[in-house]
Amino acid sequence: MSIGLYFTVLILTIVIETLVALIFTREKQLLLLVIIAQIITNPALNFLIQSFPELYYNTAAIFLLEAAVVVVEWLFYLAFYKKKPLKLFFLSFVTNAGSYFFGILLQKSGIL
């Protein structure tokens, strides 16, 4: 994956997850945390997948990596937001599910 594609995927993920988060909250601090979480977790996840291409075709591995991202982002939100743990977990799950499925649609359509 080229640097340009990494950057494009990161920007798309930030946009998608922020839009999904806006459905659930308008709290600026929490929305900023969503953006920062993407800057941390998205490049790390994509680097892992690119470093070990066999992961890309392993549904169980992708599921576990995505689940790990949900947990890491949830813990990040808890560390800095310190309110409503279940709401934060739900937010992490839904935003990641949204970007994951949108990413699949973009790949299947040939855009990515």
C-alpha atoms as a PDB file:
ATOM      1  CA  MET A   1       0.000   0.000   0.000  1.00  0.00           C
ATOM      2  CA  SER A   2       1.459   3.336  -1.012  1.00  0.00           C
ATOM      3  CA  ILE A   3       1.742   6.278   1.378  1.00  0.00           C
ATOM      4  CA  GLY A   4      -0.942   8.037  -0.636  1.00  0.00           C
ATOM      5  CA  LEU A   5      -3.333   5.120  -0.226  1.00  0.00           C
ATOM      6  CA  TYR A   6      -2.561   4.903   3.518  1.00  0.00           C
ATOM      7  CA  PHE A   7      -3.398   8.601   3.802  1.00  0.00           C
ATOM      8  CA  THR A   8      -6.577   8.248   1.718  1.00  0.00           C
ATOM      9  CA  VAL A   9      -7.779   5.312   3.814  1.00  0.00           C
ATOM     10  CA  LEU A  10      -7.013   7.231   7.022  1.00  0.00           C
ATOM     11  CA  ILE A  11      -8.923  10.315   5.865  1.00  0.00           C
ATOM     12  CA  LEU A  12     -11.896   8.212   4.715  1.00  0.00           C
ATOM     13  CA  THR A  13     -11.922   6.386   8.042  1.00  0.00           C
ATOM     14  CA  ILE A  14     -11.829   9.645   9.992  1.00  0.00           C
ATOM     15  CA  VAL A  15     -14.680  11.085   7.926  1.00  0.00           C
ATOM     16  CA  ILE A  16     -16.842   7.959   8.139  1.00  0.00           C
ATOM     17  CA  GLU A  17     -16.306   7.350  11.845  1.00  0.00           C
ATOM     18  CA  THR A  18     -16.839  11.015  12.699  1.00  0.00           C
ATOM     19  CA  LEU A  19     -20.096  11.068  10.718  1.00  0.00           C
ATOM     20  CA  VAL A  20     -21.266   7.902  12.477  1.00  0.00           C
ATOM     21  CA  ALA A  21     -20.255   9.398  15.843  1.00  0.00           C
ATOM     22  CA  LEU A  22     -22.293  12.514  15.044  1.00  0.00           C
ATOM     23  CA  ILE A  23     -25.401  10.327  15.000  1.00  0.00           C
ATOM     24  CA  PHE A  24     -24.802   9.563  18.678  1.00  0.00           C
ATOM     25  CA  THR A  25     -23.171  12.671  20.092  1.00  0.00           C
ATOM     26  CA  ARG A  26     -22.480  16.320  19.452  1.00  0.00           C
ATOM     27  CA  GLU A  27     -19.958  16.557  22.296  1.00  0.00           C
ATOM     28  CA  LYS A  28     -16.866  18.175  20.787  1.00  0.00           C
ATOM     29  CA  GLN A  29     -14.459  16.503  23.218  1.00  0.00           C
ATOM     30  CA  LEU A  30     -15.758  13.061  22.332  1.00  0.00           C
ATOM     31  CA  LEU A  31     -15.726  13.787  18.587  1.00  0.00           C
ATOM     32  CA  LEU A  32     -12.119  14.950  18.873  1.00  0.00           C
ATOM     33  CA  LEU A  33     -11.269  11.704  20.678  1.00  0.00           C
ATOM     34  CA  VAL A  34     -12.853   9.741  17.820  1.00  0.00           C
ATOM     35  CA  ILE A  35     -10.578  11.539  15.354  1.00  0.00           C
ATOM     36  CA  ILE A  36      -7.462  11.053  17.471  1.00  0.00           C
ATOM     37  CA  ALA A  37      -8.287   7.373  17.966  1.00  0.00           C
ATOM     38  CA  GLN A  38      -8.389   6.923  14.181  1.00  0.00           C
ATOM     39  CA  ILE A  39      -5.031   8.618  13.768  1.00  0.00           C
ATOM     40  CA  ILE A  40      -3.601   6.076  16.220  1.00  0.00           C
ATOM     41  CA  THR A  41      -5.377   2.830  15.345  1.00  0.00           C
ATOM     42  CA  ASN A  42      -6.019   3.014  11.598  1.00  0.00           C
ATOM     43  CA  PRO A  43      -2.376   3.251  10.469  1.00  0.00           C
ATOM     44  CA  ALA A  44      -1.387   0.550  12.976  1.00  0.00           C
ATOM     45  CA  LEU A  45      -4.077  -1.823  11.721  1.00  0.00           C
ATOM     46  CA  ASN A  46      -3.293  -1.191   8.071  1.00  0.00           C
ATOM     47  CA  PHE A  47       0.428  -1.594   8.695  1.00  0.00           C
ATOM     48  CA  LEU A  48      -0.200  -4.996  10.320  1.00  0.00           C
ATOM     49  CA  ILE A  49      -2.403  -6.151   7.477  1.00  0.00           C
ATOM     50  CA  GLN A  50       0.078  -4.963   4.856  1.00  0.00           C
ATOM     51  CA  SER A  51       3.023  -6.510   6.709  1.00  0.00           C
ATOM     52  CA  PHE A  52       1.285  -9.876   6.900  1.00  0.00           C
ATOM     53  CA  PRO A  53      -0.753 -10.178   3.673  1.00  0.00           C
ATOM     54  CA  GLU A  54      -2.114 -13.578   4.701  1.00  0.00           C
ATOM     55  CA  LEU A  55      -4.188 -11.723   7.330  1.00  0.00           C
ATOM     56  CA  TYR A  56      -6.104  -9.912   4.594  1.00  0.00           C
ATOM     57  CA  TYR A  57      -7.704 -13.148   3.395  1.00  0.00           C
ATOM     58  CA  ASN A  58      -8.286 -14.608   6.846  1.00  0.00           C
ATOM     59  CA  THR A  59     -11.746 -13.577   8.026  1.00  0.00           C
ATOM     60  CA  ALA A  60     -11.140 -14.735  11.595  1.00  0.00           C
ATOM     61  CA  ALA A  61      -7.894 -12.771  11.818  1.00  0.00           C
ATOM     62  CA  ILE A  62      -9.553  -9.623  10.461  1.00  0.00           C
ATOM     63  CA  PHE A  63     -12.420 -10.059  12.917  1.00  0.00           C
ATOM     64  CA  LEU A  64      -9.957 -10.380  15.825  1.00  0.00           C
ATOM     65  CA  LEU A  65      -7.938  -7.372  14.671  1.00  0.00           C
ATOM     66  CA  GLU A  66     -11.086  -5.271  14.290  1.00  0.00           C
ATOM     67  CA  ALA A  67     -12.283  -6.419  17.729  1.00  0.00           C
ATOM     68  CA  ALA A  68      -8.905  -5.407  19.165  1.00  0.00           C
ATOM     69  CA  VAL A  69      -9.282  -1.964  17.565  1.00  0.00           C
ATOM     70  CA  VAL A  70     -12.745  -1.582  19.114  1.00  0.00           C
ATOM     71  CA  VAL A  71     -11.342  -2.421  22.556  1.00  0.00           C
ATOM     72  CA  VAL A  72      -8.279  -0.185  22.178  1.00  0.00           C
ATOM     73  CA  GLU A  73     -10.399   2.750  21.066  1.00  0.00           C
ATOM     74  CA  TRP A  74     -12.902   2.123  23.862  1.00  0.00           C
ATOM     75  CA  LEU A  75     -10.081   2.134  26.432  1.00  0.00           C
ATOM     76  CA  PHE A  76      -8.728   5.313  24.844  1.00  0.00           C
ATOM     77  CA  TYR A  77     -12.149   6.968  25.177  1.00  0.00           C
ATOM     78  CA  LEU A  78     -12.441   5.801  28.783  1.00  0.00           C
ATOM     79  CA  ALA A  79      -8.993   7.159  29.635  1.00  0.00           C
ATOM     80  CA  PHE A  80      -9.776  10.648  28.386  1.00  0.00           C
ATOM     81  CA  TYR A  81     -13.552  10.962  28.618  1.00  0.00           C
ATOM     82  CA  LYS A  82     -14.240   8.996  31.822  1.00  0.00           C
ATOM     83  CA  LYS A  83     -18.026   8.946  31.389  1.00  0.00           C
ATOM     84  CA  LYS A  84     -20.603   6.375  30.340  1.00  0.00           C
ATOM     85  CA  PRO A  85     -18.437   3.261  29.675  1.00  0.00           C
ATOM     86  CA  LEU A  86     -21.213   1.360  27.865  1.00  0.00           C
ATOM     87  CA  LYS A  87     -22.015   4.334  25.629  1.00  0.00           C
ATOM     88  CA  LEU A  88     -18.322   4.627  24.780  1.00  0.00           C
ATOM     89  CA  PHE A  89     -18.066   0.928  23.962  1.00  0.00           C
ATOM     90  CA  PHE A  90     -21.145   1.154  21.758  1.00  0.00           C
ATOM     91  CA  LEU A  91     -19.687   4.232  20.059  1.00  0.00           C
ATOM     92  CA  SER A  92     -16.414   2.418  19.375  1.00  0.00           C
ATOM     93  CA  PHE A  93     -18.221  -0.641  18.046  1.00  0.00           C
ATOM     94  CA  VAL A  94     -20.648   1.230  15.796  1.00  0.00           C
ATOM     95  CA  THR A  95     -18.108   3.667  14.354  1.00  0.00           C
ATOM     96  CA  ASN A  96     -15.703   0.836  13.547  1.00  0.00           C
ATOM     97  CA  ALA A  97     -18.445  -1.319  12.070  1.00  0.00           C
ATOM     98  CA  GLY A  98     -19.501   1.608   9.898  1.00  0.00           C
ATOM     99  CA  SER A  99     -16.026   2.252   8.550  1.00  0.00           C
ATOM    100  CA  TYR A 100     -15.321  -1.460   8.089  1.00  0.00           C
ATOM    101  CA  PHE A 101     -18.446  -2.081   6.015  1.00  0.00           C
ATOM    102  CA  PHE A 102     -18.043   1.161   4.060  1.00  0.00           C
ATOM    103  CA  GLY A 103     -14.445   0.121   3.334  1.00  0.00           C
ATOM    104  CA  ILE A 104     -15.657  -3.236   2.034  1.00  0.00           C
ATOM    105  CA  LEU A 105     -18.125  -1.443  -0.253  1.00  0.00           C
ATOM    106  CA  LEU A 106     -15.355   0.790  -1.599  1.00  0.00           C
ATOM    107  CA  GLN A 107     -13.094  -2.228  -2.213  1.00  0.00           C
ATOM    108  CA  LYS A 108     -15.818  -4.234  -3.940  1.00  0.00           C
ATOM    109  CA  SER A 109     -16.706  -1.257  -6.111  1.00  0.00           C
ATOM    110  CA  GLY A 110     -13.061  -0.946  -7.142  1.00  0.00           C
ATOM    111  CA  ILE A 111     -12.627   2.530  -5.693  1.00  0.00           C
ATOM    112  CA  LEU A 112      -9.957   1.317  -3.241  1.00  0.00           C
END
